[in-house]
Structures are given as C-alpha cells and as structure tokens.
Amino acid sequence: ANTYVRNSEIVEIRDHRKESSLVEVEVLYDDGDLVWEPAKDIDVDILALYVQLKNINLNKKDWMWLKSAICEAKRNWFGVVQDHVCNVKYLSEHSRFVSTLWGKFKKREDITNKESIKFGRAYKHALELIKHGGRVCLPQHLRDEVVSSTSTYADKFLKTV
C-alpha cells in the first residue's frame, strides 16, 4: 500500500470529534495545514498533552485505548529514544545539514551581516536538534539557499519563518 509521509510536524491538536466508531482529531501542522485525522494515527505524547489540556476522561470508552497506549509509552521511553538516536540515515542527513549551515555562515564575508547572523543562529540550533528535536527557522530566501545545496533532505530540518 502507498503511504503518504508528511514533511511537516504537528504544532497542536485543535479539536476532536467522533466519526462512526473512530475518534478523530483536528491537527495543525507547521506548514499551516489543518487536517482531521484518526486519533490512533497521532503520536501518543501529543495526544496525551491534548487530553490533559482539555481534561478528557481517559476512562471513557472512546479514549480507553489511549490510556493503555500512554502507559505503554511510559514503559518503553528508552526504546523510543534509542531508535531515534540510532537512526543512521537521520544522523547522516543531520550531519550534512549542520555542515551546510556552517559553510553558509563561513561563506559570508561580514559575520555581522544579518544573513550571516541568521545562518549562525540556525547552525547553533541545528546542533541541538538531535537532543531536543524540532526544526530550524530560516527566512524563505535563506531556506531556499540551503535546500538548493542539500537536495531534499534539508526540508525535514527546516521551518520557514
């Protein structure tokens, strides 16, 4: 089966509803898309935060599956971190991305230039992506410059400002 993989991250869950026997959540992605998706397809940590903020009772029939998923995730946190940290393809792409940002920073002749400063800050933020996740913010014209020299993998690390 074909699987659609998003290149954007979830910013927040806005709402939820019951459709037939499924619970769906309205998800806002960092590319601005607002989409209804089955709750079971959303990361457990994001759903856990949403139900906590909305004071949703996990003992209700529609949400009981999430209660057990949260307990399982709490028991398996080390495995999840280990899988992320041991992802060789991700680490390789990240390393090339960081090197590209450093090169863009050093290429500027005047390090007090606004674009140079933005590349420097992006480089610093990129170094911490492995530990903290998220994406590096760059204005569109600088983002385009990075993406053009790195092919497509930089998109997974960049967020347009």
N, C-alpha and C. Protein backbone atom coordinates (compact mmCIF):
# COMPACT_ATOMS: atom_id res chain seq x y z
N ALA A 1 0.84 -1.19 0.00
CA ALA A 1 0.00 0.00 0.00
C ALA A 1 0.88 1.25 0.00
N ASN A 2 0.41 2.27 -0.65
CA ASN A 2 1.14 3.53 -0.66
C ASN A 2 0.90 4.27 0.64
N THR A 3 1.96 4.80 1.21
CA THR A 3 1.87 5.54 2.44
C THR A 3 2.32 6.98 2.18
N TYR A 4 1.52 7.94 2.63
CA TYR A 4 1.88 9.34 2.48
C TYR A 4 2.64 9.78 3.72
N VAL A 5 3.85 10.26 3.53
CA VAL A 5 4.66 10.72 4.65
C VAL A 5 4.72 12.24 4.60
N ARG A 6 4.33 12.89 5.68
CA ARG A 6 4.34 14.35 5.74
C ARG A 6 5.74 14.84 6.05
N ASN A 7 6.12 15.95 5.44
CA ASN A 7 7.39 16.59 5.74
C ASN A 7 7.21 17.70 6.76
N SER A 8 6.06 17.75 7.38
CA SER A 8 5.81 18.79 8.37
C SER A 8 5.45 18.14 9.70
N GLU A 9 5.64 18.90 10.75
CA GLU A 9 5.40 18.37 12.09
C GLU A 9 4.11 18.93 12.66
N ILE A 10 3.54 18.21 13.60
CA ILE A 10 2.32 18.66 14.26
C ILE A 10 2.68 19.79 15.21
N VAL A 11 1.93 20.89 15.09
CA VAL A 11 2.10 22.01 16.01
C VAL A 11 1.20 21.81 17.21
N GLU A 12 -0.06 21.47 16.93
CA GLU A 12 -1.00 21.24 18.02
C GLU A 12 -2.24 20.51 17.52
N ILE A 13 -2.98 19.97 18.46
CA ILE A 13 -4.29 19.41 18.18
C ILE A 13 -5.29 20.47 18.60
N ARG A 14 -6.19 20.81 17.68
CA ARG A 14 -7.15 21.89 17.94
C ARG A 14 -8.48 21.40 18.51
N ASP A 15 -8.92 20.22 18.06
CA ASP A 15 -10.26 19.77 18.45
C ASP A 15 -10.34 18.26 18.24
N HIS A 16 -11.44 17.67 18.68
CA HIS A 16 -11.67 16.26 18.43
C HIS A 16 -13.16 16.03 18.18
N ARG A 17 -13.46 14.91 17.53
CA ARG A 17 -14.85 14.54 17.25
C ARG A 17 -14.92 13.02 17.10
N LYS A 18 -16.14 12.51 17.18
CA LYS A 18 -16.33 11.08 16.97
C LYS A 18 -16.97 10.90 15.60
N GLU A 19 -16.32 10.14 14.75
CA GLU A 19 -16.83 9.80 13.42
C GLU A 19 -17.03 8.30 13.38
N SER A 20 -18.26 7.88 13.23
CA SER A 20 -18.66 6.48 13.33
C SER A 20 -18.08 5.90 14.62
N SER A 21 -17.17 4.96 14.55
CA SER A 21 -16.62 4.38 15.78
C SER A 21 -15.23 4.92 16.10
N LEU A 22 -14.74 5.87 15.30
CA LEU A 22 -13.40 6.42 15.49
C LEU A 22 -13.42 7.79 16.15
N VAL A 23 -12.39 8.06 16.93
CA VAL A 23 -12.16 9.41 17.41
C VAL A 23 -11.19 10.06 16.43
N GLU A 24 -11.56 11.23 15.93
CA GLU A 24 -10.69 11.99 15.04
C GLU A 24 -10.27 13.27 15.74
N VAL A 25 -9.06 13.74 15.40
CA VAL A 25 -8.57 14.99 15.96
C VAL A 25 -8.23 15.94 14.83
N GLU A 26 -8.47 17.22 15.07
CA GLU A 26 -8.12 18.25 14.10
C GLU A 26 -6.70 18.69 14.41
N VAL A 27 -5.78 18.44 13.47
CA VAL A 27 -4.36 18.64 13.67
C VAL A 27 -3.87 19.83 12.86
N LEU A 28 -3.13 20.73 13.52
CA LEU A 28 -2.48 21.84 12.83
C LEU A 28 -1.01 21.47 12.64
N TYR A 29 -0.58 21.45 11.36
CA TYR A 29 0.81 21.16 11.03
C TYR A 29 1.58 22.45 10.87
N ASP A 30 2.92 22.37 10.98
CA ASP A 30 3.74 23.59 10.90
C ASP A 30 3.78 24.19 9.50
N ASP A 31 3.23 23.50 8.51
CA ASP A 31 3.13 24.10 7.18
C ASP A 31 1.80 24.84 7.00
N GLY A 32 0.99 24.89 8.08
CA GLY A 32 -0.27 25.62 8.06
C GLY A 32 -1.49 24.77 7.77
N ASP A 33 -1.30 23.51 7.37
CA ASP A 33 -2.44 22.63 7.08
C ASP A 33 -3.19 22.29 8.36
N LEU A 34 -4.52 22.31 8.26
CA LEU A 34 -5.40 21.92 9.35
C LEU A 34 -6.19 20.72 8.83
N VAL A 35 -5.95 19.53 9.43
CA VAL A 35 -6.47 18.28 8.87
C VAL A 35 -7.11 17.44 9.98
N TRP A 36 -8.26 16.81 9.66
CA TRP A 36 -8.86 15.84 10.57
C TRP A 36 -8.22 14.48 10.31
N GLU A 37 -7.71 13.86 11.37
CA GLU A 37 -7.06 12.56 11.23
C GLU A 37 -7.52 11.64 12.36
N PRO A 38 -7.49 10.32 12.13
CA PRO A 38 -7.82 9.40 13.22
C PRO A 38 -6.85 9.59 14.39
N ALA A 39 -7.39 9.64 15.58
CA ALA A 39 -6.56 9.87 16.77
C ALA A 39 -5.50 8.78 16.92
N LYS A 40 -5.82 7.57 16.51
CA LYS A 40 -4.85 6.47 16.67
C LYS A 40 -3.63 6.62 15.77
N ASP A 41 -3.69 7.53 14.77
CA ASP A 41 -2.55 7.77 13.89
C ASP A 41 -1.62 8.87 14.41
N ILE A 42 -1.98 9.50 15.51
CA ILE A 42 -1.21 10.62 16.06
C ILE A 42 -0.31 10.11 17.18
N ASP A 43 0.85 10.73 17.30
CA ASP A 43 1.81 10.37 18.34
C ASP A 43 1.16 10.42 19.73
N VAL A 44 1.42 9.41 20.52
CA VAL A 44 0.82 9.27 21.85
C VAL A 44 1.15 10.47 22.74
N ASP A 45 2.39 10.98 22.67
CA ASP A 45 2.78 12.10 23.52
C ASP A 45 1.96 13.35 23.21
N ILE A 46 1.70 13.58 21.93
CA ILE A 46 0.92 14.75 21.52
C ILE A 46 -0.52 14.61 21.98
N LEU A 47 -1.08 13.41 21.82
CA LEU A 47 -2.45 13.16 22.29
C LEU A 47 -2.55 13.28 23.80
N ALA A 48 -1.55 12.78 24.51
CA ALA A 48 -1.57 12.85 25.98
C ALA A 48 -1.63 14.30 26.45
N LEU A 49 -0.86 15.16 25.80
CA LEU A 49 -0.88 16.58 26.15
C LEU A 49 -2.25 17.18 25.87
N TYR A 50 -2.84 16.83 24.73
CA TYR A 50 -4.15 17.35 24.35
C TYR A 50 -5.22 16.95 25.37
N VAL A 51 -5.28 15.66 25.73
CA VAL A 51 -6.32 15.21 26.66
C VAL A 51 -6.12 15.83 28.04
N GLN A 52 -4.88 16.08 28.40
CA GLN A 52 -4.61 16.73 29.68
C GLN A 52 -5.10 18.17 29.66
N LEU A 53 -4.81 18.90 28.58
CA LEU A 53 -5.24 20.29 28.47
C LEU A 53 -6.76 20.43 28.42
N LYS A 54 -7.42 19.47 27.80
CA LYS A 54 -8.89 19.50 27.63
C LYS A 54 -9.63 18.77 28.75
N ASN A 55 -8.88 18.24 29.72
CA ASN A 55 -9.47 17.49 30.83
C ASN A 55 -10.39 16.36 30.36
N ILE A 56 -9.93 15.61 29.38
CA ILE A 56 -10.70 14.49 28.85
C ILE A 56 -10.48 13.27 29.74
N ASN A 57 -11.57 12.64 30.10
CA ASN A 57 -11.53 11.46 30.96
C ASN A 57 -11.11 10.25 30.13
N LEU A 58 -9.96 9.69 30.43
CA LEU A 58 -9.45 8.53 29.69
C LEU A 58 -10.18 7.23 30.03
N ASN A 59 -11.06 7.28 31.00
CA ASN A 59 -11.84 6.09 31.33
C ASN A 59 -13.10 5.96 30.48
N LYS A 60 -13.37 6.98 29.64
CA LYS A 60 -14.49 6.89 28.71
C LYS A 60 -14.15 5.88 27.63
N LYS A 61 -15.17 5.21 27.13
CA LYS A 61 -14.99 4.13 26.17
C LYS A 61 -14.15 4.55 24.96
N ASP A 62 -14.39 5.74 24.42
CA ASP A 62 -13.69 6.20 23.22
C ASP A 62 -12.21 6.46 23.43
N TRP A 63 -11.80 6.69 24.67
CA TRP A 63 -10.42 7.08 24.95
C TRP A 63 -9.63 6.03 25.73
N MET A 64 -10.23 4.91 26.09
CA MET A 64 -9.53 3.91 26.91
C MET A 64 -8.28 3.38 26.22
N TRP A 65 -8.31 3.25 24.91
CA TRP A 65 -7.13 2.78 24.17
C TRP A 65 -5.94 3.70 24.40
N LEU A 66 -6.21 5.01 24.53
CA LEU A 66 -5.13 5.97 24.74
C LEU A 66 -4.52 5.82 26.13
N LYS A 67 -5.35 5.52 27.10
CA LYS A 67 -4.84 5.31 28.46
C LYS A 67 -3.81 4.18 28.48
N SER A 68 -4.11 3.07 27.82
CA SER A 68 -3.14 1.97 27.79
C SER A 68 -1.93 2.32 26.92
N ALA A 69 -2.14 3.09 25.85
CA ALA A 69 -1.02 3.50 24.99
C ALA A 69 -0.05 4.42 25.75
N ILE A 70 -0.59 5.28 26.59
CA ILE A 70 0.25 6.18 27.40
C ILE A 70 1.07 5.36 28.40
N CYS A 71 0.44 4.40 29.04
CA CYS A 71 1.17 3.54 29.99
C CYS A 71 2.28 2.77 29.28
N GLU A 72 1.98 2.25 28.09
CA GLU A 72 2.98 1.52 27.31
C GLU A 72 4.13 2.43 26.91
N ALA A 73 3.82 3.64 26.49
CA ALA A 73 4.85 4.60 26.08
C ALA A 73 5.75 4.97 27.27
N LYS A 74 5.17 5.09 28.44
CA LYS A 74 5.97 5.40 29.64
C LYS A 74 6.94 4.26 29.96
N ARG A 75 6.50 3.04 29.71
CA ARG A 75 7.38 1.88 29.97
C ARG A 75 8.45 1.74 28.89
N ASN A 76 8.17 2.22 27.68
CA ASN A 76 9.05 2.00 26.54
C ASN A 76 9.83 3.25 26.12
N TRP A 77 9.97 4.24 26.97
CA TRP A 77 10.58 5.51 26.58
C TRP A 77 12.02 5.32 26.11
N PHE A 78 12.76 4.43 26.75
CA PHE A 78 14.17 4.25 26.39
C PHE A 78 14.30 3.66 24.98
N GLY A 79 13.45 2.72 24.64
CA GLY A 79 13.49 2.13 23.31
C GLY A 79 13.19 3.15 22.22
N VAL A 80 12.25 4.04 22.48
CA VAL A 80 11.91 5.08 21.51
C VAL A 80 13.10 6.01 21.30
N VAL A 81 13.72 6.42 22.39
CA VAL A 81 14.90 7.30 22.29
C VAL A 81 16.03 6.58 21.57
N GLN A 82 16.25 5.34 21.91
CA GLN A 82 17.31 4.57 21.28
C GLN A 82 17.10 4.42 19.78
N ASP A 83 15.86 4.14 19.36
CA ASP A 83 15.56 4.04 17.93
C ASP A 83 15.85 5.35 17.22
N HIS A 84 15.51 6.46 17.84
CA HIS A 84 15.74 7.78 17.23
C HIS A 84 17.23 8.08 17.12
N VAL A 85 17.95 7.84 18.18
CA VAL A 85 19.38 8.16 18.21
C VAL A 85 20.20 7.22 17.32
N CYS A 86 19.71 6.02 17.11
CA CYS A 86 20.44 5.05 16.30
C CYS A 86 20.03 5.04 14.83
N ASN A 87 19.24 5.99 14.41
CA ASN A 87 18.80 6.07 13.03
C ASN A 87 19.94 6.66 12.19
N VAL A 88 20.70 5.79 11.56
CA VAL A 88 21.92 6.20 10.85
C VAL A 88 21.62 7.16 9.70
N LYS A 89 20.56 6.91 8.96
CA LYS A 89 20.21 7.80 7.84
C LYS A 89 19.91 9.21 8.37
N TYR A 90 19.12 9.30 9.43
CA TYR A 90 18.78 10.59 10.02
C TYR A 90 20.05 11.30 10.52
N LEU A 91 20.91 10.56 11.20
CA LEU A 91 22.15 11.15 11.72
C LEU A 91 23.06 11.65 10.60
N SER A 92 23.14 10.90 9.53
CA SER A 92 23.95 11.30 8.39
C SER A 92 23.40 12.56 7.74
N GLU A 93 22.09 12.59 7.52
CA GLU A 93 21.47 13.78 6.93
C GLU A 93 21.62 14.99 7.85
N HIS A 94 21.47 14.76 9.14
CA HIS A 94 21.63 15.85 10.10
C HIS A 94 23.05 16.40 10.05
N SER A 95 24.02 15.52 10.00
CA SER A 95 25.42 15.95 9.95
C SER A 95 25.70 16.79 8.70
N ARG A 96 25.18 16.35 7.57
CA ARG A 96 25.36 17.12 6.33
C ARG A 96 24.63 18.46 6.41
N PHE A 97 23.47 18.47 7.03
CA PHE A 97 22.71 19.71 7.20
C PHE A 97 23.48 20.71 8.06
N VAL A 98 24.01 20.24 9.18
CA VAL A 98 24.80 21.11 10.07
C VAL A 98 26.03 21.64 9.33
N SER A 99 26.70 20.78 8.58
CA SER A 99 27.88 21.21 7.81
C SER A 99 27.51 22.27 6.77
N THR A 100 26.37 22.10 6.14
CA THR A 100 25.91 23.07 5.15
C THR A 100 25.67 24.42 5.80
N LEU A 101 25.00 24.43 6.95
CA LEU A 101 24.74 25.71 7.65
C LEU A 101 26.05 26.38 8.05
N TRP A 102 27.00 25.58 8.55
CA TRP A 102 28.30 26.14 8.93
C TRP A 102 28.99 26.75 7.70
N GLY A 103 28.94 26.05 6.59
CA GLY A 103 29.54 26.55 5.36
C GLY A 103 28.90 27.84 4.89
N LYS A 104 27.57 27.92 4.98
CA LYS A 104 26.85 29.14 4.58
C LYS A 104 27.23 30.31 5.50
N PHE A 105 27.40 30.02 6.78
CA PHE A 105 27.82 31.05 7.73
C PHE A 105 29.23 31.54 7.42
N LYS A 106 30.15 30.62 7.24
CA LYS A 106 31.55 30.99 6.99
C LYS A 106 31.75 31.65 5.62
N LYS A 107 30.88 31.34 4.67
CA LYS A 107 30.99 31.88 3.32
C LYS A 107 30.73 33.39 3.29
N ARG A 108 29.93 33.87 4.22
CA ARG A 108 29.64 35.30 4.29
C ARG A 108 30.91 36.03 4.75
N GLU A 109 31.26 37.09 4.05
CA GLU A 109 32.49 37.81 4.40
C GLU A 109 32.35 38.64 5.66
N ASP A 110 31.17 39.17 5.90
CA ASP A 110 30.93 40.01 7.06
C ASP A 110 30.06 39.25 8.05
N ILE A 111 30.65 38.79 9.15
CA ILE A 111 29.88 37.99 10.10
C ILE A 111 28.88 38.82 10.90
N THR A 112 28.91 40.14 10.74
CA THR A 112 27.91 40.98 11.40
C THR A 112 26.70 41.23 10.48
N ASN A 113 26.78 40.73 9.26
CA ASN A 113 25.68 40.84 8.31
C ASN A 113 24.47 40.07 8.86
N LYS A 114 23.24 40.59 8.65
CA LYS A 114 22.04 39.95 9.18
C LYS A 114 21.87 38.51 8.69
N GLU A 115 22.19 38.27 7.42
CA GLU A 115 22.06 36.91 6.90
C GLU A 115 23.08 35.98 7.54
N SER A 116 24.27 36.48 7.75
CA SER A 116 25.31 35.68 8.40
C SER A 116 24.89 35.33 9.83
N ILE A 117 24.34 36.29 10.52
CA ILE A 117 23.87 36.05 11.90
C ILE A 117 22.76 35.00 11.90
N LYS A 118 21.85 35.08 10.93
CA LYS A 118 20.76 34.09 10.86
C LYS A 118 21.30 32.69 10.59
N PHE A 119 22.30 32.59 9.70
CA PHE A 119 22.91 31.28 9.45
C PHE A 119 23.64 30.78 10.70
N GLY A 120 24.30 31.68 11.42
CA GLY A 120 25.00 31.29 12.65
C GLY A 120 24.04 30.77 13.71
N ARG A 121 22.92 31.46 13.87
CA ARG A 121 21.91 31.02 14.84
C ARG A 121 21.28 29.69 14.40
N ALA A 122 21.04 29.56 13.10
CA ALA A 122 20.48 28.31 12.58
C ALA A 122 21.45 27.15 12.82
N TYR A 123 22.74 27.41 12.62
CA TYR A 123 23.76 26.39 12.87
C TYR A 123 23.73 25.96 14.33
N LYS A 124 23.69 26.92 15.23
CA LYS A 124 23.66 26.61 16.66
C LYS A 124 22.42 25.79 17.02
N HIS A 125 21.28 26.19 16.48
CA HIS A 125 20.04 25.47 16.75
C HIS A 125 20.11 24.05 16.16
N ALA A 126 20.69 23.93 14.96
CA ALA A 126 20.79 22.63 14.30
C ALA A 126 21.62 21.64 15.12
N LEU A 127 22.63 22.15 15.82
CA LEU A 127 23.45 21.27 16.65
C LEU A 127 22.63 20.60 17.75
N GLU A 128 21.54 21.25 18.17
CA GLU A 128 20.74 20.74 19.28
C GLU A 128 19.53 19.92 18.84
N LEU A 129 19.32 19.81 17.54
CA LEU A 129 18.15 19.05 17.05
C LEU A 129 18.17 17.60 17.49
N ILE A 130 19.33 17.01 17.54
CA ILE A 130 19.43 15.60 17.93
C ILE A 130 18.88 15.39 19.34
N LYS A 131 19.21 16.31 20.25
CA LYS A 131 18.76 16.18 21.64
C LYS A 131 17.31 16.62 21.83
N HIS A 132 16.95 17.74 21.20
CA HIS A 132 15.67 18.37 21.52
C HIS A 132 14.61 18.26 20.44
N GLY A 133 14.99 17.84 19.23
CA GLY A 133 14.02 17.75 18.14
C GLY A 133 13.63 19.13 17.63
N GLY A 134 12.56 19.19 16.89
CA GLY A 134 12.08 20.45 16.33
C GLY A 134 12.67 20.72 14.97
N ARG A 135 12.61 21.97 14.57
CA ARG A 135 13.12 22.39 13.27
C ARG A 135 13.83 23.72 13.40
N VAL A 136 14.71 23.99 12.44
CA VAL A 136 15.48 25.23 12.40
C VAL A 136 14.69 26.26 11.60
N CYS A 137 14.56 27.45 12.16
CA CYS A 137 13.84 28.53 11.49
C CYS A 137 14.80 29.34 10.62
N LEU A 138 14.41 29.54 9.38
CA LEU A 138 15.16 30.39 8.46
C LEU A 138 14.17 31.14 7.56
N PRO A 139 14.47 32.39 7.23
CA PRO A 139 13.62 33.08 6.26
C PRO A 139 13.62 32.33 4.93
N GLN A 140 12.57 32.51 4.14
CA GLN A 140 12.39 31.72 2.92
C GLN A 140 13.59 31.80 1.98
N HIS A 141 14.17 32.99 1.75
CA HIS A 141 15.27 33.10 0.78
C HIS A 141 16.52 32.36 1.26
N LEU A 142 16.77 32.34 2.58
CA LEU A 142 17.92 31.59 3.11
C LEU A 142 17.61 30.09 3.12
N ARG A 143 16.37 29.76 3.40
CA ARG A 143 15.94 28.37 3.37
C ARG A 143 16.14 27.79 1.97
N ASP A 144 15.73 28.57 0.96
CA ASP A 144 15.90 28.12 -0.43
C ASP A 144 17.37 27.89 -0.77
N GLU A 145 18.23 28.75 -0.24
CA GLU A 145 19.67 28.62 -0.48
C GLU A 145 20.21 27.31 0.11
N VAL A 146 19.74 26.97 1.30
CA VAL A 146 20.18 25.73 1.95
C VAL A 146 19.62 24.52 1.21
N VAL A 147 18.35 24.55 0.88
CA VAL A 147 17.72 23.41 0.22
C VAL A 147 18.33 23.17 -1.16
N SER A 148 18.65 24.23 -1.88
CA SER A 148 19.23 24.06 -3.21
C SER A 148 20.60 23.38 -3.17
N SER A 149 21.33 23.55 -2.07
CA SER A 149 22.66 22.94 -2.00
C SER A 149 22.66 21.60 -1.27
N THR A 150 21.53 21.20 -0.72
CA THR A 150 21.48 19.93 0.02
C THR A 150 20.50 18.93 -0.58
N SER A 151 19.90 19.25 -1.68
CA SER A 151 18.87 18.41 -2.28
C SER A 151 17.61 18.51 -1.42
N THR A 152 16.98 17.40 -1.14
CA THR A 152 15.68 17.47 -0.46
C THR A 152 15.73 17.16 1.04
N TYR A 153 16.78 16.54 1.53
CA TYR A 153 16.76 16.12 2.92
C TYR A 153 16.71 17.27 3.92
N ALA A 154 17.17 18.46 3.53
CA ALA A 154 17.16 19.60 4.46
C ALA A 154 15.75 19.99 4.87
N ASP A 155 14.78 19.69 4.04
CA ASP A 155 13.39 20.05 4.36
C ASP A 155 12.92 19.49 5.69
N LYS A 156 13.41 18.31 6.05
CA LYS A 156 12.95 17.71 7.30
C LYS A 156 13.51 18.42 8.54
N PHE A 157 14.53 19.28 8.34
CA PHE A 157 15.13 20.00 9.47
C PHE A 157 14.76 21.48 9.50
N LEU A 158 14.14 21.98 8.44
CA LEU A 158 13.89 23.42 8.31
C LEU A 158 12.43 23.77 8.48
N LYS A 159 12.20 24.94 9.07
CA LYS A 159 10.88 25.51 9.17
C LYS A 159 10.97 26.93 8.62
N THR A 160 10.08 27.30 7.74
CA THR A 160 10.07 28.65 7.17
C THR A 160 9.54 29.64 8.17
N VAL A 161 10.19 30.79 8.26
CA VAL A 161 9.73 31.84 9.17
C VAL A 161 8.80 32.77 8.43
